[in-house]
Amino acid sequence: MAERTQAWLQSIGKAADYVNTIIMHDNALIVFDMDQQRSVEAEKQVDAHIDAIKSDIAAKRAMVQQAPADEIDFYQNFVAWIKRTGPMYAFPLYRATDSCVGCGTCTRVCPRGCIHLENKRPVWDYSRCANCMACIQACPTKAIQFITVKEPNPDARYRNPHIALKEIIQANRQD
């Protein structure tokens, strides 16, 4: 990832002195089982990695992290899959099941304001959707599901435990 970031920066005439990554909770529902990710989260030592990066920045260390072979393979296979199958998502992407209670949480967590309620049901404006999955991850009844993609574990969702739903909603206010 860091090498691709540096290459992109160079393509626009820029460069970074420091590029690093932190292995965190993988929350792409179409790829990862959220329950399994929670079980290995401690092994990722996120806080220790953040502390190391803070130290590097304080010391003005110059470094561009090299990508491991498995990450390069994953990325190349992913790009090949997209070329074979088309875009990662096809529209419409989401649907609300009968367990939707019309609470509107999805409308408030969408960072692009792509969702509104009609008859207490979410309606997506896919012309602005960034497929961030905030709506599907934050739905309190797990009523939002993918239409075109089978999830490894459709009963599991993830939201960073250090960020309250109220903070996400506040950050995404459209006024």
Protein backbone atom coordinates (compact mmCIF):
# COMPACT_ATOMS: atom_id res chain seq x y z
CA MET A 1 0.00 0.00 0.00
CA ALA A 2 2.72 2.46 0.94
CA GLU A 3 4.58 1.89 -2.32
CA ARG A 4 1.37 2.48 -4.30
CA THR A 5 0.75 5.66 -2.30
CA GLN A 6 4.24 6.93 -3.05
CA ALA A 7 3.88 6.02 -6.74
CA TRP A 8 0.57 7.90 -6.94
CA LEU A 9 2.08 10.96 -5.25
CA GLN A 10 4.98 10.89 -7.71
CA SER A 11 2.51 10.70 -10.62
CA ILE A 12 1.14 14.09 -9.56
CA GLY A 13 4.57 15.61 -8.94
CA LYS A 14 4.68 15.08 -5.19
CA ALA A 15 6.54 12.77 -2.82
CA ALA A 16 6.19 11.75 0.79
CA ASP A 17 9.10 11.51 3.19
CA TYR A 18 7.26 9.02 5.35
CA VAL A 19 4.66 6.43 4.36
CA ASN A 20 3.67 3.63 6.71
CA THR A 21 0.66 1.43 7.35
CA ILE A 22 -1.14 0.05 10.36
CA ILE A 23 -2.77 -3.35 10.13
CA MET A 24 -6.20 -2.80 11.66
CA HIS A 25 -9.59 -4.46 11.82
CA ASP A 26 -10.53 -5.40 8.25
CA ASN A 27 -14.13 -4.22 7.96
CA ALA A 28 -14.93 -4.84 4.30
CA LEU A 29 -18.05 -6.94 4.78
CA ILE A 30 -17.87 -8.49 1.33
CA VAL A 31 -14.43 -9.94 2.04
CA PHE A 32 -14.03 -10.45 5.79
CA ASP A 33 -16.06 -12.09 8.55
CA MET A 34 -16.38 -9.40 11.24
CA ASP A 35 -16.56 -11.96 14.08
CA GLN A 36 -13.32 -13.58 12.90
CA GLN A 37 -11.68 -10.15 12.61
CA ARG A 38 -12.65 -9.32 16.20
CA SER A 39 -11.03 -12.57 17.36
CA VAL A 40 -7.63 -11.60 15.88
CA GLU A 41 -7.73 -7.87 16.58
CA ALA A 42 -5.41 -8.05 19.63
CA GLU A 43 -2.75 -9.81 17.54
CA LYS A 44 -2.56 -6.78 15.27
CA GLN A 45 -1.12 -4.60 18.09
CA VAL A 46 -2.63 -1.42 16.66
CA ASP A 47 -1.74 0.81 19.63
CA ALA A 48 1.90 -0.29 19.55
CA HIS A 49 2.09 0.45 15.81
CA ILE A 50 0.53 3.89 16.30
CA ASP A 51 3.05 4.65 19.04
CA ALA A 52 5.94 3.58 16.77
CA ILE A 53 4.67 5.82 13.97
CA LYS A 54 4.32 8.74 16.38
CA SER A 55 7.95 8.21 17.42
CA ASP A 56 9.06 8.07 13.78
CA ILE A 57 7.26 11.33 13.02
CA ALA A 58 8.68 13.03 16.11
CA ALA A 59 12.16 11.92 15.03
CA LYS A 60 11.49 13.12 11.45
CA ARG A 61 12.35 9.66 10.14
CA ALA A 62 12.22 9.26 6.35
CA MET A 63 10.84 5.92 5.21
CA VAL A 64 8.53 4.37 2.64
CA GLN A 65 7.35 1.01 3.86
CA GLN A 66 7.85 -1.87 1.45
CA ALA A 67 4.76 -3.97 0.78
CA PRO A 68 4.95 -7.65 1.74
CA ALA A 69 4.58 -10.19 -1.07
CA ASP A 70 1.16 -11.39 0.15
CA GLU A 71 -0.20 -7.82 0.04
CA ILE A 72 1.13 -7.33 -3.49
CA ASP A 73 -0.44 -10.64 -4.55
CA PHE A 74 -3.78 -9.72 -2.92
CA TYR A 75 -3.83 -6.32 -4.62
CA GLN A 76 -2.90 -7.73 -8.04
CA ASN A 77 -5.54 -10.47 -7.74
CA PHE A 78 -8.12 -7.89 -6.64
CA VAL A 79 -7.35 -5.63 -9.60
CA ALA A 80 -7.53 -8.65 -11.94
CA TRP A 81 -10.91 -9.60 -10.42
CA ILE A 82 -12.26 -6.07 -10.99
CA LYS A 83 -11.07 -6.17 -14.61
CA ARG A 84 -12.80 -9.53 -15.09
CA THR A 85 -16.05 -8.72 -13.29
CA GLY A 86 -16.38 -4.97 -13.69
CA PRO A 87 -16.70 -2.49 -10.82
CA MET A 88 -16.54 -3.78 -7.27
CA TYR A 89 -20.19 -2.97 -6.83
CA ALA A 90 -23.15 -2.81 -9.11
CA PHE A 91 -26.13 -0.61 -8.45
CA PRO A 92 -28.36 -0.95 -6.66
CA LEU A 93 -25.98 -2.19 -3.99
CA TYR A 94 -28.03 -2.34 -0.79
CA ARG A 95 -31.49 -3.36 0.28
CA ALA A 96 -33.40 -3.03 3.52
CA THR A 97 -35.02 -6.21 4.79
CA ASP A 98 -38.29 -6.43 6.70
CA SER A 99 -36.34 -6.01 9.95
CA CYS A 100 -35.87 -2.31 9.09
CA VAL A 101 -37.59 -0.22 11.78
CA GLY A 102 -37.24 3.10 9.93
CA CYS A 103 -34.99 4.63 12.59
CA GLY A 104 -32.98 6.64 10.04
CA THR A 105 -29.56 5.77 11.46
CA CYS A 106 -28.42 5.00 7.91
CA THR A 107 -29.37 8.51 6.78
CA ARG A 108 -27.35 10.08 9.59
CA VAL A 109 -24.15 8.02 9.18
CA CYS A 110 -23.87 8.39 5.41
CA PRO A 111 -20.96 10.80 4.84
CA ARG A 112 -22.25 11.80 1.40
CA GLY A 113 -25.91 12.26 2.29
CA CYS A 114 -26.96 9.56 -0.17
CA ILE A 115 -29.80 8.07 1.85
CA HIS A 116 -33.24 9.39 2.71
CA LEU A 117 -36.30 7.68 4.11
CA GLU A 118 -39.50 7.14 2.17
CA ASN A 119 -42.31 5.50 4.11
CA LYS A 120 -39.77 4.71 6.86
CA ARG A 121 -37.55 2.80 4.42
CA PRO A 122 -34.07 3.83 3.21
CA VAL A 123 -33.71 4.93 -0.39
CA TRP A 124 -30.18 5.31 -1.78
CA ASP A 125 -28.98 7.90 -4.29
CA TYR A 126 -26.20 5.85 -5.85
CA SER A 127 -24.97 8.73 -7.99
CA ARG A 128 -23.05 10.00 -4.94
CA CYS A 129 -22.53 6.72 -3.01
CA ALA A 130 -18.90 5.97 -2.17
CA ASN A 131 -19.67 2.40 -1.01
CA CYS A 132 -18.18 3.20 2.40
CA MET A 133 -20.59 0.74 4.04
CA ALA A 134 -21.33 3.09 6.96
CA CYS A 135 -25.05 2.46 6.53
CA ILE A 136 -24.75 -1.32 6.56
CA GLN A 137 -22.25 -1.35 9.45
CA ALA A 138 -24.29 1.03 11.67
CA CYS A 139 -27.79 -0.36 11.11
CA PRO A 140 -28.98 -1.32 14.61
CA THR A 141 -31.18 -4.17 13.33
CA LYS A 142 -28.79 -5.40 10.62
CA ALA A 143 -31.62 -4.78 8.17
CA ILE A 144 -29.36 -3.37 5.44
CA GLN A 145 -27.80 -6.05 3.32
CA PHE A 146 -25.95 -6.30 0.04
CA ILE A 147 -27.99 -7.13 -3.02
CA THR A 148 -25.30 -8.37 -5.41
CA VAL A 149 -22.64 -9.73 -3.05
CA LYS A 150 -22.72 -12.65 -0.64
CA GLU A 151 -21.11 -11.77 2.68
CA PRO A 152 -18.98 -14.28 4.58
CA ASN A 153 -21.03 -13.55 7.74
CA PRO A 154 -24.16 -11.44 7.15
CA ASP A 155 -24.98 -11.45 10.88
CA ALA A 156 -21.77 -9.67 11.90
CA ARG A 157 -21.12 -5.95 11.69
CA TYR A 158 -18.29 -3.72 12.89
CA ARG A 159 -17.90 -0.22 14.20
CA ASN A 160 -14.70 1.00 15.83
CA PRO A 161 -15.28 0.65 19.58
CA HIS A 162 -13.37 3.89 20.20
CA ILE A 163 -15.80 5.95 18.13
CA ALA A 164 -19.36 6.47 19.32
CA LEU A 165 -22.22 6.38 16.84
CA LYS A 166 -23.05 9.92 17.97
CA GLU A 167 -19.56 11.05 16.83
CA ILE A 168 -20.03 9.50 13.39
CA ILE A 169 -23.40 11.18 13.00
CA GLN A 170 -21.99 14.54 14.14
CA ALA A 171 -19.06 14.28 11.71
CA ASN A 172 -21.45 13.59 8.82
CA ARG A 173 -24.00 16.34 9.43
CA GLN A 174 -24.93 17.95 6.17
CA ASP A 175 -25.91 21.40 7.54
